[in-house]
């Protein structure tokens, strides 16, 4: 598994608009591509005083799947024009990490299987 990590920052005034853009256009557009080997995308957000940081974490089966999504220069960040209009700054390149191990708590395992019998 590969995790593709990207950071973007915006003003507090633009943060909700940017998050809405991600939820309603950008993420659905990524899912619509139906890239073989793409597994998930997660959105993280945190306030930092005069700016708000966003982090996206995408999961892929392999670097080949990342390339199918992003192209041969796969580290280049995917930042659509509408996103660039509300971001103050962003990573021009995404970072890619090989997942070496994942451990899941009993609570997480139960939620993934639809709950417990209790």
N, C-alpha and C. Protein backbone atom coordinates (compact mmCIF):
# COMPACT_ATOMS: atom_id res chain seq x y z
N UNK A 1 0.83 -1.19 0.00
CA UNK A 1 0.00 0.00 0.00
C UNK A 1 0.87 1.25 0.00
N UNK A 2 0.39 2.25 -0.70
CA UNK A 2 1.06 3.55 -0.78
C UNK A 2 0.11 4.61 -0.25
N UNK A 3 0.64 5.53 0.54
CA UNK A 3 -0.13 6.70 0.98
C UNK A 3 0.45 7.93 0.30
N UNK A 4 -0.43 8.69 -0.33
CA UNK A 4 -0.07 9.95 -0.99
C UNK A 4 -0.56 11.07 -0.09
N UNK A 5 0.35 11.92 0.37
CA UNK A 5 0.02 12.95 1.36
C UNK A 5 0.30 14.32 0.75
N UNK A 6 -0.65 15.22 0.96
CA UNK A 6 -0.56 16.57 0.41
C UNK A 6 -1.10 17.57 1.43
N UNK A 7 -0.51 18.77 1.47
CA UNK A 7 -0.92 19.84 2.38
C UNK A 7 -1.32 21.09 1.60
N UNK A 8 -2.36 21.75 2.08
CA UNK A 8 -2.76 23.05 1.54
C UNK A 8 -3.21 23.94 2.68
N UNK A 9 -3.04 25.24 2.52
CA UNK A 9 -3.40 26.19 3.56
C UNK A 9 -4.28 27.28 2.96
N UNK A 10 -5.24 27.72 3.73
CA UNK A 10 -6.12 28.80 3.31
C UNK A 10 -6.41 29.71 4.50
N UNK A 11 -7.10 30.78 4.26
CA UNK A 11 -7.48 31.69 5.33
C UNK A 11 -8.67 31.11 6.07
N UNK A 12 -8.88 31.50 7.32
CA UNK A 12 -10.08 31.04 8.03
C UNK A 12 -11.37 31.41 7.28
N UNK A 13 -11.35 32.54 6.59
CA UNK A 13 -12.54 32.98 5.84
C UNK A 13 -12.84 32.07 4.65
N UNK A 14 -11.82 31.46 4.07
CA UNK A 14 -12.01 30.59 2.90
C UNK A 14 -12.06 29.10 3.24
N UNK A 15 -11.83 28.75 4.50
CA UNK A 15 -11.70 27.34 4.87
C UNK A 15 -12.97 26.53 4.60
N UNK A 16 -14.12 27.06 5.00
CA UNK A 16 -15.36 26.30 4.77
C UNK A 16 -15.66 26.15 3.29
N UNK A 17 -15.39 27.20 2.51
CA UNK A 17 -15.61 27.13 1.06
C UNK A 17 -14.68 26.09 0.43
N UNK A 18 -13.43 26.04 0.88
CA UNK A 18 -12.50 25.06 0.34
C UNK A 18 -12.94 23.64 0.71
N UNK A 19 -13.32 23.45 1.96
CA UNK A 19 -13.77 22.12 2.38
C UNK A 19 -15.00 21.69 1.57
N UNK A 20 -15.93 22.60 1.36
CA UNK A 20 -17.13 22.29 0.57
C UNK A 20 -16.74 21.91 -0.87
N UNK A 21 -15.78 22.61 -1.44
CA UNK A 21 -15.31 22.29 -2.78
C UNK A 21 -14.72 20.88 -2.84
N UNK A 22 -13.93 20.54 -1.83
CA UNK A 22 -13.38 19.18 -1.77
C UNK A 22 -14.49 18.14 -1.71
N UNK A 23 -15.45 18.36 -0.82
CA UNK A 23 -16.52 17.38 -0.60
C UNK A 23 -17.47 17.24 -1.79
N UNK A 24 -17.77 18.35 -2.45
CA UNK A 24 -18.82 18.31 -3.49
C UNK A 24 -18.30 18.17 -4.91
N UNK A 25 -17.04 18.56 -5.17
CA UNK A 25 -16.52 18.50 -6.54
C UNK A 25 -15.24 17.69 -6.67
N UNK A 26 -14.24 18.04 -5.89
CA UNK A 26 -12.92 17.43 -6.10
C UNK A 26 -12.91 15.95 -5.73
N UNK A 27 -13.36 15.60 -4.54
CA UNK A 27 -13.36 14.19 -4.15
C UNK A 27 -14.28 13.36 -5.05
N UNK A 28 -15.52 13.81 -5.33
CA UNK A 28 -16.35 13.03 -6.27
C UNK A 28 -15.69 12.89 -7.65
N UNK A 29 -14.97 13.92 -8.10
CA UNK A 29 -14.26 13.83 -9.38
C UNK A 29 -13.16 12.79 -9.35
N UNK A 30 -12.45 12.72 -8.24
CA UNK A 30 -11.40 11.71 -8.09
C UNK A 30 -12.02 10.31 -8.10
N UNK A 31 -13.10 10.13 -7.37
CA UNK A 31 -13.76 8.83 -7.32
C UNK A 31 -14.32 8.44 -8.69
N UNK A 32 -14.81 9.42 -9.44
CA UNK A 32 -15.39 9.15 -10.76
C UNK A 32 -14.35 8.64 -11.75
N UNK A 33 -13.08 8.93 -11.52
CA UNK A 33 -12.04 8.45 -12.42
C UNK A 33 -11.90 6.94 -12.38
N UNK A 34 -12.35 6.33 -11.29
CA UNK A 34 -12.31 4.88 -11.11
C UNK A 34 -10.94 4.30 -11.44
N UNK A 35 -9.92 4.89 -10.84
CA UNK A 35 -8.54 4.43 -11.05
C UNK A 35 -8.36 3.08 -10.37
N UNK A 36 -7.92 2.11 -11.15
CA UNK A 36 -7.66 0.78 -10.58
C UNK A 36 -6.54 0.89 -9.56
N UNK A 37 -6.77 0.37 -8.36
CA UNK A 37 -5.76 0.42 -7.30
C UNK A 37 -5.91 1.61 -6.36
N UNK A 38 -6.83 2.54 -6.66
CA UNK A 38 -7.13 3.63 -5.73
C UNK A 38 -8.09 3.08 -4.69
N UNK A 39 -7.80 3.33 -3.41
CA UNK A 39 -8.61 2.76 -2.33
C UNK A 39 -9.41 3.78 -1.53
N UNK A 40 -8.81 4.93 -1.25
CA UNK A 40 -9.51 5.88 -0.38
C UNK A 40 -8.86 7.24 -0.43
N UNK A 41 -9.61 8.23 0.04
CA UNK A 41 -9.07 9.56 0.27
C UNK A 41 -9.64 10.06 1.59
N UNK A 42 -8.78 10.65 2.40
CA UNK A 42 -9.18 11.19 3.69
C UNK A 42 -8.84 12.67 3.74
N UNK A 43 -9.64 13.42 4.47
CA UNK A 43 -9.44 14.85 4.61
C UNK A 43 -9.22 15.18 6.08
N UNK A 44 -8.14 15.89 6.36
CA UNK A 44 -7.85 16.37 7.71
C UNK A 44 -7.82 17.90 7.67
N UNK A 45 -8.23 18.52 8.78
CA UNK A 45 -8.28 19.98 8.86
C UNK A 45 -7.87 20.41 10.26
N UNK A 46 -7.09 21.50 10.34
CA UNK A 46 -6.77 22.06 11.65
C UNK A 46 -6.54 23.56 11.54
N UNK A 47 -7.07 24.30 12.52
CA UNK A 47 -6.85 25.75 12.54
C UNK A 47 -5.44 26.05 13.05
N UNK A 48 -4.81 27.07 12.45
CA UNK A 48 -3.46 27.47 12.85
C UNK A 48 -3.40 28.99 13.02
N UNK A 49 -4.34 29.55 13.74
CA UNK A 49 -4.34 31.00 13.95
C UNK A 49 -4.83 31.75 12.74
N UNK A 50 -3.90 32.31 11.96
CA UNK A 50 -4.29 33.13 10.81
C UNK A 50 -4.44 32.32 9.53
N UNK A 51 -4.36 31.00 9.62
CA UNK A 51 -4.62 30.14 8.47
C UNK A 51 -5.20 28.81 8.93
N UNK A 52 -5.70 28.05 7.97
CA UNK A 52 -6.25 26.72 8.24
C UNK A 52 -5.51 25.75 7.32
N UNK A 53 -4.99 24.68 7.92
CA UNK A 53 -4.26 23.67 7.16
C UNK A 53 -5.19 22.52 6.81
N UNK A 54 -5.09 22.06 5.58
CA UNK A 54 -5.78 20.86 5.13
C UNK A 54 -4.74 19.84 4.70
N UNK A 55 -5.01 18.58 5.00
CA UNK A 55 -4.16 17.48 4.58
C UNK A 55 -5.06 16.45 3.90
N UNK A 56 -4.65 16.00 2.73
CA UNK A 56 -5.35 14.87 2.13
C UNK A 56 -4.40 13.68 2.14
N UNK A 57 -4.97 12.54 2.43
CA UNK A 57 -4.22 11.29 2.43
C UNK A 57 -4.98 10.32 1.53
N UNK A 58 -4.32 9.93 0.46
CA UNK A 58 -4.91 8.99 -0.48
C UNK A 58 -4.24 7.64 -0.33
N UNK A 59 -5.00 6.59 -0.48
CA UNK A 59 -4.47 5.23 -0.41
C UNK A 59 -4.52 4.55 -1.76
N UNK A 60 -3.41 3.96 -2.16
CA UNK A 60 -3.29 3.24 -3.42
C UNK A 60 -2.65 1.89 -3.17
N UNK A 61 -2.92 0.94 -4.06
CA UNK A 61 -2.30 -0.38 -3.95
C UNK A 61 -0.81 -0.35 -4.26
N UNK A 62 -0.39 0.56 -5.15
CA UNK A 62 1.00 0.54 -5.63
C UNK A 62 1.35 1.89 -6.25
N UNK A 63 2.64 2.10 -6.51
CA UNK A 63 3.09 3.30 -7.22
C UNK A 63 2.50 3.31 -8.62
N UNK A 64 2.32 2.16 -9.23
CA UNK A 64 1.71 2.10 -10.56
C UNK A 64 0.29 2.66 -10.52
N UNK A 65 -0.45 2.40 -9.46
CA UNK A 65 -1.80 2.95 -9.31
C UNK A 65 -1.74 4.47 -9.11
N UNK A 66 -0.74 4.94 -8.37
CA UNK A 66 -0.55 6.38 -8.20
C UNK A 66 -0.29 7.02 -9.56
N UNK A 67 0.56 6.40 -10.36
CA UNK A 67 0.87 6.91 -11.70
C UNK A 67 -0.37 6.91 -12.59
N UNK A 68 -1.23 5.92 -12.44
CA UNK A 68 -2.47 5.89 -13.22
C UNK A 68 -3.36 7.08 -12.85
N UNK A 69 -3.28 7.51 -11.60
CA UNK A 69 -4.04 8.67 -11.14
C UNK A 69 -3.38 9.98 -11.55
N UNK A 70 -2.06 10.10 -11.30
CA UNK A 70 -1.37 11.39 -11.40
C UNK A 70 -0.46 11.53 -12.61
N UNK A 71 -0.17 10.45 -13.33
CA UNK A 71 0.74 10.51 -14.46
C UNK A 71 2.15 10.10 -14.07
N UNK A 72 3.02 10.07 -15.06
CA UNK A 72 4.40 9.62 -14.82
C UNK A 72 5.13 10.49 -13.80
N UNK A 73 4.90 11.80 -13.84
CA UNK A 73 5.48 12.68 -12.83
C UNK A 73 4.52 12.70 -11.64
N UNK A 74 4.39 11.55 -11.01
CA UNK A 74 3.33 11.31 -10.04
C UNK A 74 3.43 12.13 -8.76
N UNK A 75 4.58 12.75 -8.50
CA UNK A 75 4.70 13.58 -7.29
C UNK A 75 4.06 14.95 -7.47
N UNK A 76 3.80 15.35 -8.71
CA UNK A 76 3.15 16.64 -8.95
C UNK A 76 1.77 16.64 -8.30
N UNK A 77 1.50 17.66 -7.52
CA UNK A 77 0.21 17.74 -6.81
C UNK A 77 -0.93 17.97 -7.79
N UNK A 78 -2.08 17.37 -7.48
CA UNK A 78 -3.30 17.55 -8.24
C UNK A 78 -4.11 18.64 -7.54
N UNK A 79 -4.06 19.86 -8.06
CA UNK A 79 -4.75 21.00 -7.44
C UNK A 79 -5.56 21.71 -8.53
N UNK A 80 -6.85 21.40 -8.64
CA UNK A 80 -7.67 22.02 -9.68
C UNK A 80 -7.73 23.55 -9.55
N UNK A 81 -8.05 24.21 -10.64
CA UNK A 81 -8.09 25.68 -10.69
C UNK A 81 -8.99 26.28 -9.62
N UNK A 82 -10.16 25.68 -9.39
CA UNK A 82 -11.07 26.22 -8.37
C UNK A 82 -10.44 26.17 -6.99
N UNK A 83 -9.65 25.14 -6.71
CA UNK A 83 -8.98 25.03 -5.41
C UNK A 83 -7.89 26.09 -5.29
N UNK A 84 -7.17 26.33 -6.36
CA UNK A 84 -6.10 27.33 -6.35
C UNK A 84 -6.65 28.72 -6.05
N UNK A 85 -7.91 28.96 -6.39
CA UNK A 85 -8.52 30.27 -6.16
C UNK A 85 -8.75 30.56 -4.68
N UNK A 86 -8.93 29.52 -3.86
CA UNK A 86 -9.20 29.75 -2.43
C UNK A 86 -8.05 29.35 -1.52
N UNK A 87 -7.05 28.67 -2.06
CA UNK A 87 -5.88 28.32 -1.24
C UNK A 87 -4.89 29.48 -1.21
N UNK A 88 -4.31 29.72 -0.04
CA UNK A 88 -3.27 30.73 0.09
C UNK A 88 -1.93 30.18 -0.38
N UNK A 89 -1.70 28.90 -0.11
CA UNK A 89 -0.47 28.21 -0.53
C UNK A 89 -0.72 26.72 -0.44
N UNK A 90 0.13 25.95 -1.11
CA UNK A 90 -0.04 24.50 -1.10
C UNK A 90 1.25 23.83 -1.55
N UNK A 91 1.36 22.55 -1.20
CA UNK A 91 2.49 21.75 -1.66
C UNK A 91 2.40 21.58 -3.16
N UNK A 92 3.46 21.90 -3.87
CA UNK A 92 3.51 21.69 -5.32
C UNK A 92 3.72 20.21 -5.63
N UNK A 93 4.27 19.47 -4.66
CA UNK A 93 4.54 18.05 -4.84
C UNK A 93 3.93 17.28 -3.68
N UNK A 94 3.38 16.14 -3.99
CA UNK A 94 2.84 15.24 -2.97
C UNK A 94 3.94 14.29 -2.51
N UNK A 95 3.83 13.84 -1.29
CA UNK A 95 4.78 12.87 -0.75
C UNK A 95 4.13 11.48 -0.79
N UNK A 96 4.95 10.48 -1.02
CA UNK A 96 4.45 9.11 -1.11
C UNK A 96 5.22 8.22 -0.14
N UNK A 97 4.45 7.43 0.61
CA UNK A 97 5.04 6.57 1.63
C UNK A 97 4.51 5.15 1.45
N UNK A 98 5.39 4.20 1.62
CA UNK A 98 4.99 2.80 1.61
C UNK A 98 4.48 2.45 3.01
N UNK A 99 3.30 1.88 3.08
CA UNK A 99 2.74 1.44 4.36
C UNK A 99 3.45 0.15 4.74
N UNK A 100 4.12 0.19 5.87
CA UNK A 100 4.89 -0.97 6.31
C UNK A 100 4.11 -1.86 7.27
N UNK A 101 3.18 -1.24 8.00
CA UNK A 101 2.39 -2.03 8.94
C UNK A 101 1.18 -1.21 9.36
N UNK A 102 0.07 -1.91 9.56
CA UNK A 102 -1.15 -1.30 10.08
C UNK A 102 -1.68 -2.20 11.18
N UNK A 103 -2.03 -1.62 12.28
CA UNK A 103 -2.67 -2.37 13.37
C UNK A 103 -4.00 -1.72 13.66
N UNK A 104 -5.01 -2.51 13.87
CA UNK A 104 -6.36 -2.02 14.06
C UNK A 104 -6.85 -2.44 15.44
N UNK A 105 -7.46 -1.50 16.15
CA UNK A 105 -8.02 -1.81 17.46
C UNK A 105 -9.25 -2.71 17.32
N UNK A 106 -9.63 -3.36 18.40
CA UNK A 106 -10.84 -4.19 18.39
C UNK A 106 -12.07 -3.35 18.05
N UNK A 107 -12.12 -2.11 18.56
CA UNK A 107 -13.26 -1.24 18.26
C UNK A 107 -13.34 -0.93 16.77
N UNK A 108 -12.22 -0.64 16.15
CA UNK A 108 -12.19 -0.35 14.71
C UNK A 108 -12.60 -1.58 13.90
N UNK A 109 -12.09 -2.73 14.30
CA UNK A 109 -12.42 -3.97 13.61
C UNK A 109 -13.93 -4.23 13.69
N UNK A 110 -14.53 -3.96 14.85
CA UNK A 110 -15.96 -4.16 15.01
C UNK A 110 -16.75 -3.19 14.15
N UNK A 111 -16.31 -1.94 14.05
CA UNK A 111 -17.04 -0.96 13.23
C UNK A 111 -16.91 -1.28 11.75
N UNK A 112 -15.79 -1.85 11.33
CA UNK A 112 -15.62 -2.23 9.93
C UNK A 112 -16.50 -3.42 9.56
N UNK A 113 -16.81 -4.26 10.54
CA UNK A 113 -17.62 -5.44 10.25
C UNK A 113 -19.10 -5.20 10.50
N UNK A 114 -19.47 -3.95 10.77
CA UNK A 114 -20.87 -3.64 10.94
C UNK A 114 -21.35 -3.61 12.37
N UNK A 115 -20.43 -3.67 13.30
CA UNK A 115 -20.81 -3.57 14.70
C UNK A 115 -20.58 -4.87 15.44
N UNK A 116 -20.90 -4.84 16.70
CA UNK A 116 -20.71 -6.02 17.55
C UNK A 116 -22.05 -6.67 17.83
N UNK A 117 -22.02 -7.82 18.47
CA UNK A 117 -23.24 -8.53 18.82
C UNK A 117 -23.84 -8.06 20.13
N UNK A 118 -23.17 -7.13 20.82
CA UNK A 118 -23.63 -6.71 22.13
C UNK A 118 -24.86 -5.84 22.05
